[in-house]
Amino acid sequence: MAQWKDTNEGKAGGGGGSTVAPGSGERSEHTPGNEAAKSSEEMLLRNMAAKQKGIISKVTARGELGRRIRDMGLVPGTLIEIQGRAPLKDPVAIRVRGFTLTLRNNEADQILIKREETR
């Protein structure tokens, strides 16, 4: 198996330097915390704004509510988009699997969404 080579080996303060992928000839800068900038952000469906998109990462509801949420097609890996909210912020309308679905906030609180950072 190929090994990554740290170009700062043997230098004073050698951590956090460039790395070279074997056979690639390319350098990539590695700085602590850089991974967080590229990773996605996880949040409750209830806290998403209109027009935001994300993928369901977890449904925390158990029992009857959990079954109902799954029966509506809200399972991990499903892409959703927030369509809008009622004037008092409850319910929330989401677009999922080609249809629009409305959820009460107590239901939306049981669904974790992973959304990509928009820049």
Protein backbone atom coordinates (compact mmCIF):
# COMPACT_ATOMS: atom_id res chain seq x y z
CA MET A 1 0.00 0.00 0.00
CA ALA A 2 1.31 3.48 -0.88
CA GLN A 3 2.30 5.86 1.89
CA TRP A 4 1.77 9.63 2.11
CA LYS A 5 4.96 11.63 2.43
CA ASP A 6 5.19 14.64 4.75
CA THR A 7 7.39 17.21 3.00
CA ASN A 8 8.28 18.74 6.37
CA GLU A 9 9.94 15.58 7.73
CA GLY A 10 12.96 16.40 9.82
CA LYS A 11 12.27 20.14 9.84
CA ALA A 12 11.73 22.12 13.03
CA GLY A 13 8.00 22.56 13.75
CA GLY A 14 7.23 19.90 11.12
CA GLY A 15 3.50 19.49 11.78
CA GLY A 16 0.81 20.84 9.49
CA GLY A 17 2.87 21.14 6.28
CA SER A 18 2.33 20.03 2.70
CA THR A 19 1.75 16.41 1.83
CA VAL A 20 2.37 14.67 -1.47
CA ALA A 21 0.10 11.85 -2.56
CA PRO A 22 2.11 8.92 -3.91
CA GLY A 23 2.29 9.04 -7.68
CA SER A 24 0.23 12.21 -7.94
CA GLY A 25 2.95 14.83 -7.92
CA GLU A 26 0.39 17.22 -6.39
CA ARG A 27 0.69 19.03 -3.10
CA SER A 28 -2.14 19.66 -0.71
CA GLU A 29 -1.86 22.06 2.17
CA HIS A 30 -2.97 20.58 5.47
CA THR A 31 -3.81 22.96 8.25
CA PRO A 32 -5.56 21.99 11.47
CA GLY A 33 -9.29 22.70 11.25
CA ASN A 34 -9.29 22.79 7.44
CA GLU A 35 -11.47 19.68 7.33
CA ALA A 36 -14.33 21.51 9.05
CA ALA A 37 -14.49 24.09 6.28
CA LYS A 38 -15.04 21.35 3.69
CA SER A 39 -17.40 19.14 5.69
CA SER A 40 -21.12 19.52 5.85
CA GLU A 41 -23.10 20.97 8.70
CA GLU A 42 -25.68 18.93 10.62
CA MET A 43 -28.80 20.63 12.01
CA LEU A 44 -32.42 19.98 12.92
CA LEU A 45 -34.90 20.21 10.06
CA ARG A 46 -36.84 22.74 12.15
CA ASN A 47 -33.90 25.19 12.05
CA MET A 48 -33.43 25.19 8.27
CA ALA A 49 -34.35 28.27 6.24
CA ALA A 50 -36.52 28.38 3.13
CA LYS A 51 -34.84 27.07 -0.04
CA GLN A 52 -32.13 25.22 1.91
CA LYS A 53 -31.42 21.67 0.78
CA GLY A 54 -29.98 18.78 2.73
CA ILE A 55 -29.89 15.05 3.22
CA ILE A 56 -31.52 13.33 6.16
CA SER A 57 -28.77 11.91 8.35
CA LYS A 58 -30.81 10.60 11.29
CA VAL A 59 -34.38 10.25 12.54
CA THR A 60 -34.39 10.27 16.33
CA ALA A 61 -38.11 9.62 16.86
CA ARG A 62 -39.11 6.29 18.35
CA GLY A 63 -42.38 4.41 18.50
CA GLU A 64 -45.45 5.54 16.59
CA LEU A 65 -44.02 8.96 15.61
CA GLY A 66 -40.84 7.36 14.28
CA ARG A 67 -42.86 4.90 12.22
CA ARG A 68 -45.05 7.68 10.81
CA ILE A 69 -42.00 9.76 9.83
CA ARG A 70 -40.40 6.76 8.08
CA ASP A 71 -43.70 5.89 6.36
CA MET A 72 -43.73 9.38 4.84
CA GLY A 73 -40.41 8.57 3.16
CA LEU A 74 -38.25 10.55 5.58
CA VAL A 75 -35.39 8.10 6.04
CA PRO A 76 -31.62 8.63 6.23
CA GLY A 77 -30.11 9.39 2.83
CA THR A 78 -33.19 11.18 1.49
CA LEU A 79 -32.71 14.61 -0.15
CA ILE A 80 -35.08 17.33 1.07
CA GLU A 81 -35.62 21.03 0.36
CA ILE A 82 -37.42 23.51 2.61
CA GLN A 83 -40.28 25.05 0.60
CA GLY A 84 -41.55 27.48 3.22
CA ARG A 85 -43.22 27.99 6.56
CA ALA A 86 -46.60 29.09 7.81
CA PRO A 87 -46.81 32.65 9.20
CA LEU A 88 -46.36 31.44 12.80
CA LYS A 89 -43.44 29.14 11.75
CA ASP A 90 -45.46 25.95 12.22
CA PRO A 91 -45.86 23.82 10.12
CA VAL A 92 -42.89 23.66 7.73
CA ALA A 93 -43.35 22.59 4.08
CA ILE A 94 -40.64 20.42 2.59
CA ARG A 95 -40.07 18.98 -0.88
CA VAL A 96 -39.17 15.29 -0.71
CA ARG A 97 -39.17 12.56 -3.37
CA GLY A 98 -41.09 14.75 -5.84
CA PHE A 99 -43.91 15.85 -3.54
CA THR A 100 -44.56 18.52 -0.94
CA LEU A 101 -45.05 17.44 2.66
CA THR A 102 -45.83 19.52 5.73
CA LEU A 103 -44.51 18.68 9.19
CA ARG A 104 -45.26 20.13 12.59
CA ASN A 105 -42.25 21.49 14.46
CA ASN A 106 -42.44 18.65 17.01
CA GLU A 107 -42.00 16.22 14.10
CA ALA A 108 -39.27 18.33 12.44
CA ASP A 109 -37.36 18.32 15.76
CA GLN A 110 -36.86 14.56 15.35
CA ILE A 111 -35.02 14.82 12.00
CA LEU A 112 -31.33 15.68 11.65
CA ILE A 113 -30.24 17.08 8.29
CA LYS A 114 -26.75 17.23 6.82
CA ARG A 115 -26.40 20.22 4.54
CA GLU A 116 -23.46 21.33 2.49
CA GLU A 117 -21.89 24.67 3.29
CA THR A 118 -22.83 27.36 0.79
CA ARG A 119 -20.25 29.99 0.08
